[in-house]
């Protein structure tokens, strides 16, 4: 099984920006995920972009059996990413490091979550591990 772990806008600044996102950098999160996935016999690809069209292109490119996505702020308004997610038929899990339901009003809506099979919110960087664990149950 090959999983794409796709991160969007500003996720590359995790560990360097507001403390609400935790102290782990994206590289540190990815290293934990890589180790966890290897133990489960899962191949992972990591992709991050701050550019909406590049995220859409990577979703459309395919080559993966499942998708874990944290689109960052694009989750709240990117119908382009939502449409790309609708176009692929693999299992998709959306991750939010923070509890978006307990934050500013504009963050409480995710237009991309309705295109996914499930969401993990508010579990910090461990939310990625939970999503990855779920995906391993499907293989």
N, C-alpha and C. Protein backbone atom coordinates (compact mmCIF):
# COMPACT_ATOMS: atom_id res chain seq x y z
N UNK A 1 0.84 -1.18 0.00
CA UNK A 1 0.00 0.00 0.00
C UNK A 1 0.88 1.24 0.00
N UNK A 2 0.53 2.20 -0.85
CA UNK A 2 1.26 3.47 -0.90
C UNK A 2 0.31 4.59 -0.50
N UNK A 3 0.73 5.37 0.47
CA UNK A 3 -0.05 6.51 0.94
C UNK A 3 0.64 7.82 0.59
N UNK A 4 -0.15 8.77 0.15
CA UNK A 4 0.34 10.13 -0.06
C UNK A 4 -0.07 10.96 1.14
N UNK A 5 0.89 11.58 1.79
CA UNK A 5 0.61 12.49 2.89
C UNK A 5 0.88 13.89 2.36
N UNK A 6 -0.19 14.62 2.13
CA UNK A 6 -0.15 15.89 1.43
C UNK A 6 -0.44 17.03 2.40
N UNK A 7 0.46 17.97 2.47
CA UNK A 7 0.30 19.13 3.35
C UNK A 7 0.27 20.40 2.52
N UNK A 8 -0.61 21.30 2.92
CA UNK A 8 -0.81 22.53 2.18
C UNK A 8 -0.16 23.74 2.81
N UNK A 9 -0.78 24.85 2.57
CA UNK A 9 -0.25 26.17 2.88
C UNK A 9 0.14 26.31 4.36
N UNK A 10 1.34 26.79 4.57
CA UNK A 10 1.92 27.11 5.88
C UNK A 10 2.24 25.91 6.76
N UNK A 11 1.91 24.70 6.33
CA UNK A 11 2.23 23.54 7.15
C UNK A 11 3.75 23.36 7.23
N UNK A 12 4.47 23.85 6.24
CA UNK A 12 5.93 23.82 6.29
C UNK A 12 6.49 24.66 7.44
N UNK A 13 5.69 25.51 8.01
CA UNK A 13 6.13 26.36 9.13
C UNK A 13 5.76 25.78 10.49
N UNK A 14 5.16 24.60 10.51
CA UNK A 14 4.81 23.95 11.77
C UNK A 14 6.06 23.78 12.63
N UNK A 15 5.92 24.09 13.90
CA UNK A 15 7.07 24.05 14.82
C UNK A 15 7.83 25.35 14.86
N UNK A 16 7.54 26.23 13.92
CA UNK A 16 8.22 27.52 13.83
C UNK A 16 7.23 28.68 13.98
N UNK A 17 5.94 28.37 13.93
CA UNK A 17 4.91 29.41 14.00
C UNK A 17 4.16 29.32 15.32
N UNK A 18 2.95 29.81 15.39
CA UNK A 18 2.20 29.85 16.64
C UNK A 18 2.26 28.51 17.36
N UNK A 19 2.37 28.58 18.68
CA UNK A 19 2.52 27.36 19.49
C UNK A 19 1.29 26.46 19.43
N UNK A 20 0.16 26.97 19.01
CA UNK A 20 -1.05 26.16 18.91
C UNK A 20 -0.84 24.96 17.96
N UNK A 21 0.14 25.07 17.06
CA UNK A 21 0.43 23.99 16.11
C UNK A 21 1.49 23.02 16.62
N UNK A 22 1.98 23.24 17.83
CA UNK A 22 2.96 22.33 18.42
C UNK A 22 4.39 22.73 18.10
N UNK A 23 5.31 21.97 18.67
CA UNK A 23 6.73 22.31 18.53
C UNK A 23 7.45 21.46 17.50
N UNK A 24 6.82 20.40 17.01
CA UNK A 24 7.47 19.56 16.01
C UNK A 24 7.46 20.24 14.65
N UNK A 25 8.57 20.17 13.95
CA UNK A 25 8.62 20.68 12.59
C UNK A 25 7.96 19.67 11.65
N UNK A 26 7.67 20.08 10.44
CA UNK A 26 7.09 19.16 9.46
C UNK A 26 8.04 18.00 9.18
N UNK A 27 9.33 18.28 9.11
CA UNK A 27 10.31 17.20 8.90
C UNK A 27 10.28 16.19 10.04
N UNK A 28 10.14 16.68 11.27
CA UNK A 28 10.07 15.77 12.42
C UNK A 28 8.78 14.94 12.40
N UNK A 29 7.68 15.57 12.04
CA UNK A 29 6.41 14.85 11.91
C UNK A 29 6.54 13.77 10.84
N UNK A 30 7.09 14.15 9.70
CA UNK A 30 7.25 13.19 8.60
C UNK A 30 8.16 12.03 8.99
N UNK A 31 9.18 12.30 9.75
CA UNK A 31 10.09 11.22 10.18
C UNK A 31 9.35 10.22 11.07
N UNK A 32 8.53 10.73 11.99
CA UNK A 32 7.72 9.85 12.84
C UNK A 32 6.77 9.00 11.98
N UNK A 33 6.15 9.64 11.00
CA UNK A 33 5.21 8.94 10.13
C UNK A 33 5.92 7.88 9.28
N UNK A 34 7.10 8.22 8.80
CA UNK A 34 7.89 7.29 7.99
C UNK A 34 8.22 6.02 8.79
N UNK A 35 8.65 6.21 10.03
CA UNK A 35 8.98 5.08 10.90
C UNK A 35 7.74 4.25 11.20
N UNK A 36 6.64 4.91 11.55
CA UNK A 36 5.38 4.23 11.85
C UNK A 36 4.89 3.44 10.64
N UNK A 37 4.94 4.07 9.47
CA UNK A 37 4.48 3.42 8.23
C UNK A 37 5.35 2.21 7.90
N UNK A 38 6.65 2.33 8.07
CA UNK A 38 7.56 1.21 7.78
C UNK A 38 7.24 0.01 8.65
N UNK A 39 6.92 0.28 9.92
CA UNK A 39 6.55 -0.80 10.84
C UNK A 39 5.26 -1.50 10.42
N UNK A 40 4.43 -0.80 9.68
CA UNK A 40 3.15 -1.35 9.20
C UNK A 40 3.26 -1.90 7.78
N UNK A 41 4.44 -1.77 7.18
CA UNK A 41 4.62 -2.25 5.81
C UNK A 41 3.97 -1.35 4.77
N UNK A 42 3.87 -0.07 5.09
CA UNK A 42 3.24 0.91 4.20
C UNK A 42 4.29 1.85 3.64
N UNK A 43 4.21 2.09 2.35
CA UNK A 43 5.10 3.05 1.69
C UNK A 43 4.43 4.42 1.73
N UNK A 44 5.16 5.44 2.15
CA UNK A 44 4.59 6.79 2.21
C UNK A 44 5.37 7.75 1.33
N UNK A 45 4.64 8.66 0.73
CA UNK A 45 5.22 9.78 -0.01
C UNK A 45 4.75 11.05 0.67
N UNK A 46 5.66 11.97 0.89
CA UNK A 46 5.32 13.25 1.50
C UNK A 46 5.37 14.34 0.45
N UNK A 47 4.36 15.20 0.48
CA UNK A 47 4.31 16.32 -0.46
C UNK A 47 3.75 17.52 0.29
N UNK A 48 4.39 18.66 0.13
CA UNK A 48 3.91 19.91 0.72
C UNK A 48 4.06 21.01 -0.30
N UNK A 49 3.03 21.85 -0.38
CA UNK A 49 3.11 23.03 -1.23
C UNK A 49 2.25 24.14 -0.64
N UNK A 50 2.72 25.36 -0.81
CA UNK A 50 1.94 26.54 -0.44
C UNK A 50 1.10 27.04 -1.61
N UNK A 51 1.18 26.35 -2.73
CA UNK A 51 0.51 26.79 -3.95
C UNK A 51 -0.67 25.87 -4.26
N UNK A 52 -1.85 26.45 -4.27
CA UNK A 52 -3.09 25.70 -4.45
C UNK A 52 -3.07 24.82 -5.70
N UNK A 53 -2.66 25.37 -6.83
CA UNK A 53 -2.65 24.61 -8.07
C UNK A 53 -1.70 23.42 -8.03
N UNK A 54 -0.59 23.56 -7.33
CA UNK A 54 0.34 22.43 -7.20
C UNK A 54 -0.28 21.31 -6.37
N UNK A 55 -1.05 21.67 -5.37
CA UNK A 55 -1.75 20.66 -4.56
C UNK A 55 -2.77 19.93 -5.42
N UNK A 56 -3.53 20.67 -6.21
CA UNK A 56 -4.50 20.07 -7.13
C UNK A 56 -3.78 19.13 -8.10
N UNK A 57 -2.70 19.60 -8.69
CA UNK A 57 -1.94 18.77 -9.63
C UNK A 57 -1.48 17.47 -8.98
N UNK A 58 -0.98 17.54 -7.73
CA UNK A 58 -0.48 16.32 -7.09
C UNK A 58 -1.62 15.35 -6.79
N UNK A 59 -2.75 15.86 -6.37
CA UNK A 59 -3.91 14.98 -6.14
C UNK A 59 -4.29 14.28 -7.43
N UNK A 60 -4.37 15.04 -8.51
CA UNK A 60 -4.78 14.48 -9.80
C UNK A 60 -3.76 13.51 -10.39
N UNK A 61 -2.50 13.68 -10.05
CA UNK A 61 -1.43 12.84 -10.58
C UNK A 61 -1.61 11.37 -10.20
N UNK A 62 -2.18 11.11 -9.05
CA UNK A 62 -2.40 9.74 -8.60
C UNK A 62 -1.11 9.04 -8.21
N UNK A 63 -1.13 7.69 -8.34
CA UNK A 63 0.03 6.90 -7.98
C UNK A 63 0.06 6.53 -6.51
N UNK A 64 -1.08 6.59 -5.83
CA UNK A 64 -1.17 6.25 -4.42
C UNK A 64 -2.49 5.51 -4.18
N UNK A 65 -2.50 4.74 -3.08
CA UNK A 65 -3.68 3.94 -2.73
C UNK A 65 -4.57 4.61 -1.70
N UNK A 66 -4.06 5.63 -1.04
CA UNK A 66 -4.80 6.37 -0.04
C UNK A 66 -4.15 7.72 0.16
N UNK A 67 -4.92 8.66 0.70
CA UNK A 67 -4.46 10.04 0.82
C UNK A 67 -4.78 10.58 2.21
N UNK A 68 -3.78 11.15 2.86
CA UNK A 68 -3.96 11.89 4.10
C UNK A 68 -3.62 13.34 3.77
N UNK A 69 -4.57 14.24 4.01
CA UNK A 69 -4.38 15.63 3.61
C UNK A 69 -4.62 16.59 4.76
N UNK A 70 -3.72 17.54 4.90
CA UNK A 70 -3.91 18.71 5.75
C UNK A 70 -3.65 19.89 4.82
N UNK A 71 -4.72 20.44 4.30
CA UNK A 71 -4.59 21.53 3.33
C UNK A 71 -4.34 22.88 3.98
N UNK A 72 -4.25 22.90 5.32
CA UNK A 72 -4.06 24.17 6.01
C UNK A 72 -5.25 25.08 5.77
N UNK A 73 -5.01 26.36 5.63
CA UNK A 73 -6.08 27.33 5.44
C UNK A 73 -6.90 27.07 4.17
N UNK A 74 -6.30 26.39 3.20
CA UNK A 74 -7.07 26.04 1.99
C UNK A 74 -8.28 25.17 2.31
N UNK A 75 -8.24 24.47 3.43
CA UNK A 75 -9.37 23.63 3.82
C UNK A 75 -10.66 24.44 3.95
N UNK A 76 -10.52 25.68 4.30
CA UNK A 76 -11.69 26.50 4.62
C UNK A 76 -12.34 27.15 3.40
N UNK A 77 -11.63 27.18 2.26
CA UNK A 77 -12.23 27.88 1.13
C UNK A 77 -11.81 27.38 -0.25
N UNK A 78 -10.98 26.36 -0.36
CA UNK A 78 -10.51 25.96 -1.68
C UNK A 78 -11.43 24.93 -2.33
N UNK A 79 -12.32 25.43 -3.15
CA UNK A 79 -13.19 24.54 -3.91
C UNK A 79 -12.41 23.81 -5.00
N UNK A 80 -11.28 24.38 -5.41
CA UNK A 80 -10.42 23.70 -6.40
C UNK A 80 -9.84 22.42 -5.80
N UNK A 81 -9.34 22.49 -4.57
CA UNK A 81 -8.82 21.30 -3.91
C UNK A 81 -9.95 20.34 -3.61
N UNK A 82 -11.09 20.85 -3.18
CA UNK A 82 -12.25 19.99 -2.91
C UNK A 82 -12.66 19.23 -4.17
N UNK A 83 -12.70 19.90 -5.30
CA UNK A 83 -13.06 19.23 -6.56
C UNK A 83 -12.04 18.17 -6.94
N UNK A 84 -10.76 18.45 -6.72
CA UNK A 84 -9.72 17.46 -7.01
C UNK A 84 -9.88 16.24 -6.11
N UNK A 85 -10.21 16.46 -4.84
CA UNK A 85 -10.44 15.34 -3.93
C UNK A 85 -11.64 14.50 -4.36
N UNK A 86 -12.68 15.16 -4.83
CA UNK A 86 -13.86 14.43 -5.31
C UNK A 86 -13.53 13.56 -6.52
N UNK A 87 -12.57 13.98 -7.30
CA UNK A 87 -12.25 13.30 -8.56
C UNK A 87 -11.46 12.00 -8.37
N UNK A 88 -10.87 11.80 -7.20
CA UNK A 88 -10.11 10.58 -6.96
C UNK A 88 -10.91 9.64 -6.08
N UNK A 89 -10.77 8.35 -6.34
CA UNK A 89 -11.63 7.37 -5.68
C UNK A 89 -10.96 6.62 -4.53
N UNK A 90 -9.73 6.96 -4.19
CA UNK A 90 -9.06 6.32 -3.06
C UNK A 90 -9.63 6.84 -1.74
N UNK A 91 -9.36 6.12 -0.67
CA UNK A 91 -9.74 6.60 0.67
C UNK A 91 -8.95 7.85 0.99
N UNK A 92 -9.63 8.81 1.61
CA UNK A 92 -9.02 10.10 1.93
C UNK A 92 -9.37 10.48 3.37
N UNK A 93 -8.37 10.87 4.13
CA UNK A 93 -8.57 11.33 5.50
C UNK A 93 -8.00 12.74 5.61
N UNK A 94 -8.81 13.65 6.16
CA UNK A 94 -8.35 15.02 6.40
C UNK A 94 -7.85 15.13 7.84
N UNK A 95 -6.72 15.80 8.01
CA UNK A 95 -6.13 16.02 9.33
C UNK A 95 -6.04 17.52 9.59
N UNK A 96 -6.42 17.90 10.79
CA UNK A 96 -6.18 19.26 11.29
C UNK A 96 -5.46 19.12 12.63
N UNK A 97 -4.32 19.74 12.76
CA UNK A 97 -3.52 19.66 13.98
C UNK A 97 -4.29 20.25 15.16
N UNK A 98 -4.97 21.35 14.93
CA UNK A 98 -5.74 22.00 16.00
C UNK A 98 -7.21 21.61 15.90
N UNK A 99 -7.94 21.91 16.95
CA UNK A 99 -9.39 21.69 16.93
C UNK A 99 -10.03 22.89 16.24
N UNK A 100 -10.29 22.76 14.96
CA UNK A 100 -10.83 23.88 14.18
C UNK A 100 -12.21 24.30 14.68
N UNK A 101 -12.91 23.42 15.37
CA UNK A 101 -14.24 23.75 15.88
C UNK A 101 -14.18 24.67 17.09
N UNK A 102 -13.02 24.78 17.70
CA UNK A 102 -12.84 25.63 18.87
C UNK A 102 -12.04 26.90 18.55
N UNK A 103 -11.89 27.18 17.27
CA UNK A 103 -11.09 28.33 16.86
C UNK A 103 -11.97 29.41 16.25
N UNK A 104 -11.36 30.33 15.52
CA UNK A 104 -12.11 31.42 14.92
C UNK A 104 -13.22 30.87 14.02
N UNK A 105 -14.27 31.67 13.88
CA UNK A 105 -15.45 31.24 13.12
C UNK A 105 -15.09 30.76 11.71
N UNK A 106 -14.22 31.47 11.00
CA UNK A 106 -13.92 31.09 9.62
C UNK A 106 -13.22 29.74 9.53
N UNK A 107 -12.56 29.32 10.61
CA UNK A 107 -11.85 28.04 10.60
C UNK A 107 -12.78 26.85 10.89
N UNK A 108 -13.99 27.11 11.31
CA UNK A 108 -14.90 26.03 11.72
C UNK A 108 -15.53 25.29 10.55
N UNK A 109 -15.38 25.83 9.36
CA UNK A 109 -15.91 25.18 8.17
C UNK A 109 -14.76 24.68 7.32
N UNK A 110 -14.90 23.45 6.84
CA UNK A 110 -13.90 22.88 5.94
C UNK A 110 -14.63 22.40 4.69
N UNK A 111 -14.36 23.05 3.57
CA UNK A 111 -15.00 22.62 2.32
C UNK A 111 -14.36 21.36 1.78
N UNK A 112 -13.17 21.03 2.25
CA UNK A 112 -12.50 19.83 1.79
C UNK A 112 -12.90 18.59 2.58
N UNK A 113 -13.36 18.76 3.82
CA UNK A 113 -13.68 17.59 4.65
C UNK A 113 -14.84 16.79 4.08
N UNK A 114 -15.80 17.45 3.44
CA UNK A 114 -16.94 16.71 2.88
C UNK A 114 -16.53 15.84 1.70
N UNK A 115 -15.33 16.02 1.21
CA UNK A 115 -14.82 15.22 0.09
C UNK A 115 -13.95 14.07 0.58
N UNK A 116 -13.81 13.96 1.89
CA UNK A 116 -12.96 12.93 2.48
C UNK A 116 -13.83 11.89 3.19
N UNK A 117 -13.24 10.74 3.45
CA UNK A 117 -13.95 9.66 4.13
C UNK A 117 -13.97 9.84 5.64
N UNK A 118 -13.09 10.67 6.15
CA UNK A 118 -13.04 10.92 7.58
C UNK A 118 -12.12 12.08 7.89
N UNK A 119 -12.20 12.54 9.14
CA UNK A 119 -11.38 13.67 9.58
C UNK A 119 -10.84 13.38 10.97
N UNK A 120 -9.62 13.84 11.20
CA UNK A 120 -9.02 13.80 12.53
C UNK A 120 -8.69 15.24 12.86
N UNK A 121 -9.30 15.75 13.92
CA UNK A 121 -9.06 17.15 14.28
C UNK A 121 -8.68 17.27 15.75
N UNK A 122 -7.78 18.21 16.01
CA UNK A 122 -7.45 18.57 17.38
C UNK A 122 -6.58 17.59 18.13
N UNK A 123 -5.92 16.68 17.45
CA UNK A 123 -5.08 15.68 18.12
C UNK A 123 -3.60 16.01 17.97
N UNK A 124 -3.30 17.23 17.56
CA UNK A 124 -1.91 17.62 17.36
C UNK A 124 -1.31 16.84 16.20
N UNK A 125 0.00 16.77 16.18
CA UNK A 125 0.69 16.04 15.11
C UNK A 125 0.35 14.56 15.14
N UNK A 126 -0.09 14.05 16.30
CA UNK A 126 -0.49 12.64 16.39
C UNK A 126 -1.71 12.33 15.53
N UNK A 127 -2.43 13.35 15.11
CA UNK A 127 -3.57 13.13 14.21
C UNK A 127 -3.15 12.45 12.92
N UNK A 128 -1.95 12.76 12.45
CA UNK A 128 -1.44 12.08 11.25
C UNK A 128 -1.24 10.59 11.52
N UNK A 129 -0.72 10.26 12.71
CA UNK A 129 -0.52 8.86 13.07
C UNK A 129 -1.85 8.12 13.15
N UNK A 130 -2.86 8.78 13.70
CA UNK A 130 -4.19 8.16 13.77
C UNK A 130 -4.75 7.90 12.37
N UNK A 131 -4.59 8.87 11.49
CA UNK A 131 -5.07 8.71 10.12
C UNK A 131 -4.31 7.58 9.42
N UNK A 132 -3.01 7.52 9.63
CA UNK A 132 -2.19 6.48 9.02
C UNK A 132 -2.58 5.10 9.56
N UNK A 133 -2.82 5.02 10.85
CA UNK A 133 -3.26 3.75 11.46
C UNK A 133 -4.57 3.29 10.83
N UNK A 134 -5.51 4.20 10.69
CA UNK A 134 -6.78 3.85 10.05
C UNK A 134 -6.55 3.32 8.64
N UNK A 135 -5.70 3.98 7.89
CA UNK A 135 -5.43 3.55 6.52
C UNK A 135 -4.83 2.14 6.47
N UNK A 136 -4.05 1.79 7.49
CA UNK A 136 -3.45 0.44 7.50
C UNK A 136 -4.51 -0.63 7.72
N UNK A 137 -5.61 -0.29 8.34
CA UNK A 137 -6.69 -1.27 8.54
C UNK A 137 -7.35 -1.63 7.22
N UNK A 138 -7.19 -0.77 6.22
CA UNK A 138 -7.87 -0.95 4.94
C UNK A 138 -7.10 -1.84 3.97
N UNK A 139 -5.81 -2.05 4.22
CA UNK A 139 -5.01 -2.76 3.23
C UNK A 139 -5.25 -4.25 3.23
